[in-house]
Amino acid sequence: MIDDTITAALIYEQQGLRAEAMEIYKRVLERDPSSEDALAALRRLNTQTQGVNAQMLEFFVSLSPDAEVKIREFKRWLIKI
């Protein structure tokens, strides 16, 4: 597996694997919350995602061990629409 670095995320981006790149950028930010490169990349990828609800994309990309809580939030969101 490729290391969680900005370079690795850029490689995924170039291959068209935006979701994977976003996950790496998020892990970079977990280690270094002040990473301007990772923040800028996430903003860029979020604006490039057309036809997808950015809030829900963020939701799924950020799923972690507390996924059950997030899934309940998603169900509540679905009921609202």
C-alpha atoms as a PDB file:
ATOM      1  CA  MET A   1       0.000   0.000   0.000  1.00  0.00           C
ATOM      2  CA  ILE A   2       1.194   3.524  -0.766  1.00  0.00           C
ATOM      3  CA  ASP A   3       2.144   5.675   2.212  1.00  0.00           C
ATOM      4  CA  ASP A   4      -0.226   8.391   3.376  1.00  0.00           C
ATOM      5  CA  THR A   5       1.608  11.355   1.877  1.00  0.00           C
ATOM      6  CA  ILE A   6       0.703  14.310  -0.299  1.00  0.00           C
ATOM      7  CA  THR A   7       2.670  12.693  -3.129  1.00  0.00           C
ATOM      8  CA  ALA A   8       0.687   9.463  -2.826  1.00  0.00           C
ATOM      9  CA  ALA A   9      -2.584  11.402  -2.874  1.00  0.00           C
ATOM     10  CA  LEU A  10      -1.467  13.289  -5.979  1.00  0.00           C
ATOM     11  CA  ILE A  11      -0.732   9.988  -7.698  1.00  0.00           C
ATOM     12  CA  TYR A  12      -4.261   8.808  -6.912  1.00  0.00           C
ATOM     13  CA  GLU A  13      -5.660  12.092  -8.215  1.00  0.00           C
ATOM     14  CA  GLN A  14      -3.757  11.720 -11.488  1.00  0.00           C
ATOM     15  CA  GLN A  15      -5.237   8.260 -11.865  1.00  0.00           C
ATOM     16  CA  GLY A  16      -8.734   9.672 -11.370  1.00  0.00           C
ATOM     17  CA  LEU A  17      -9.144   8.076  -7.942  1.00  0.00           C
ATOM     18  CA  ARG A  18     -10.505  11.139  -6.169  1.00  0.00           C
ATOM     19  CA  ALA A  19     -12.126   9.362  -3.224  1.00  0.00           C
ATOM     20  CA  GLU A  20      -8.907   7.517  -2.422  1.00  0.00           C
ATOM     21  CA  ALA A  21      -6.904  10.736  -2.721  1.00  0.00           C
ATOM     22  CA  MET A  22      -9.316  12.507  -0.395  1.00  0.00           C
ATOM     23  CA  GLU A  23      -8.946   9.765   2.189  1.00  0.00           C
ATOM     24  CA  ILE A  24      -5.169  10.173   2.131  1.00  0.00           C
ATOM     25  CA  TYR A  25      -5.419  13.949   2.426  1.00  0.00           C
ATOM     26  CA  LYS A  26      -7.660  13.497   5.449  1.00  0.00           C
ATOM     27  CA  ARG A  27      -5.155  11.146   7.078  1.00  0.00           C
ATOM     28  CA  VAL A  28      -2.405  13.679   6.366  1.00  0.00           C
ATOM     29  CA  LEU A  29      -4.527  16.287   8.142  1.00  0.00           C
ATOM     30  CA  GLU A  30      -5.032  13.969  11.115  1.00  0.00           C
ATOM     31  CA  ARG A  31      -1.257  13.846  11.506  1.00  0.00           C
ATOM     32  CA  ASP A  32      -0.682  17.502  10.612  1.00  0.00           C
ATOM     33  CA  PRO A  33      -3.816  19.670  10.933  1.00  0.00           C
ATOM     34  CA  SER A  34      -1.912  22.693   9.599  1.00  0.00           C
ATOM     35  CA  SER A  35      -1.023  21.074   6.253  1.00  0.00           C
ATOM     36  CA  GLU A  36      -1.943  23.758   3.745  1.00  0.00           C
ATOM     37  CA  ASP A  37      -1.315  21.368   0.851  1.00  0.00           C
ATOM     38  CA  ALA A  38      -3.806  18.804   2.154  1.00  0.00           C
ATOM     39  CA  LEU A  39      -6.400  21.476   2.977  1.00  0.00           C
ATOM     40  CA  ALA A  40      -6.098  23.053  -0.472  1.00  0.00           C
ATOM     41  CA  ALA A  41      -6.312  19.662  -2.164  1.00  0.00           C
ATOM     42  CA  LEU A  42      -9.467  18.722  -0.262  1.00  0.00           C
ATOM     43  CA  ARG A  43     -11.068  22.041  -1.190  1.00  0.00           C
ATOM     44  CA  ARG A  44     -10.089  21.508  -4.817  1.00  0.00           C
ATOM     45  CA  LEU A  45     -11.440  17.962  -4.923  1.00  0.00           C
ATOM     46  CA  ASN A  46     -14.669  18.988  -3.226  1.00  0.00           C
ATOM     47  CA  THR A  47     -15.302  21.673  -5.848  1.00  0.00           C
ATOM     48  CA  GLN A  48     -14.485  19.266  -8.697  1.00  0.00           C
ATOM     49  CA  THR A  49     -17.074  16.760  -7.559  1.00  0.00           C
ATOM     50  CA  GLN A  50     -20.050  17.545  -9.745  1.00  0.00           C
ATOM     51  CA  GLY A  51     -23.449  15.954  -9.378  1.00  0.00           C
ATOM     52  CA  VAL A  52     -22.637  14.622  -5.937  1.00  0.00           C
ATOM     53  CA  ASN A  53     -23.910  16.033  -2.696  1.00  0.00           C
ATOM     54  CA  ALA A  54     -20.641  17.276  -1.168  1.00  0.00           C
ATOM     55  CA  GLN A  55     -21.980  16.880   2.360  1.00  0.00           C
ATOM     56  CA  MET A  56     -22.809  13.221   1.791  1.00  0.00           C
ATOM     57  CA  LEU A  57     -19.541  12.600  -0.038  1.00  0.00           C
ATOM     58  CA  GLU A  58     -17.685  13.999   2.950  1.00  0.00           C
ATOM     59  CA  PHE A  59     -19.819  11.828   5.201  1.00  0.00           C
ATOM     60  CA  PHE A  60     -18.888   8.597   3.420  1.00  0.00           C
ATOM     61  CA  VAL A  61     -15.249   9.489   2.955  1.00  0.00           C
ATOM     62  CA  SER A  62     -14.944  10.180   6.664  1.00  0.00           C
ATOM     63  CA  LEU A  63     -16.495   6.903   7.841  1.00  0.00           C
ATOM     64  CA  SER A  64     -14.401   5.410  10.588  1.00  0.00           C
ATOM     65  CA  PRO A  65     -14.770   2.926  13.449  1.00  0.00           C
ATOM     66  CA  ASP A  66     -17.741   4.929  14.712  1.00  0.00           C
ATOM     67  CA  ALA A  67     -19.554   4.152  11.459  1.00  0.00           C
ATOM     68  CA  GLU A  68     -22.729   3.052  13.231  1.00  0.00           C
ATOM     69  CA  VAL A  69     -23.244   6.589  14.526  1.00  0.00           C
ATOM     70  CA  LYS A  70     -22.590   8.000  11.062  1.00  0.00           C
ATOM     71  CA  ILE A  71     -25.000   5.528   9.468  1.00  0.00           C
ATOM     72  CA  ARG A  72     -27.745   6.635  11.867  1.00  0.00           C
ATOM     73  CA  GLU A  73     -27.002  10.251  10.869  1.00  0.00           C
ATOM     74  CA  PHE A  74     -27.252   9.246   7.213  1.00  0.00           C
ATOM     75  CA  LYS A  75     -30.599   7.551   7.762  1.00  0.00           C
ATOM     76  CA  ARG A  76     -31.914  10.714   9.426  1.00  0.00           C
ATOM     77  CA  TRP A  77     -30.638  12.742   6.487  1.00  0.00           C
ATOM     78  CA  LEU A  78     -32.374  10.419   4.002  1.00  0.00           C
ATOM     79  CA  ILE A  79     -35.649  10.734   5.841  1.00  0.00           C
ATOM     80  CA  LYS A  80     -35.455  14.526   5.515  1.00  0.00           C
ATOM     81  CA  ILE A  81     -35.169  14.485   1.706  1.00  0.00           C
END
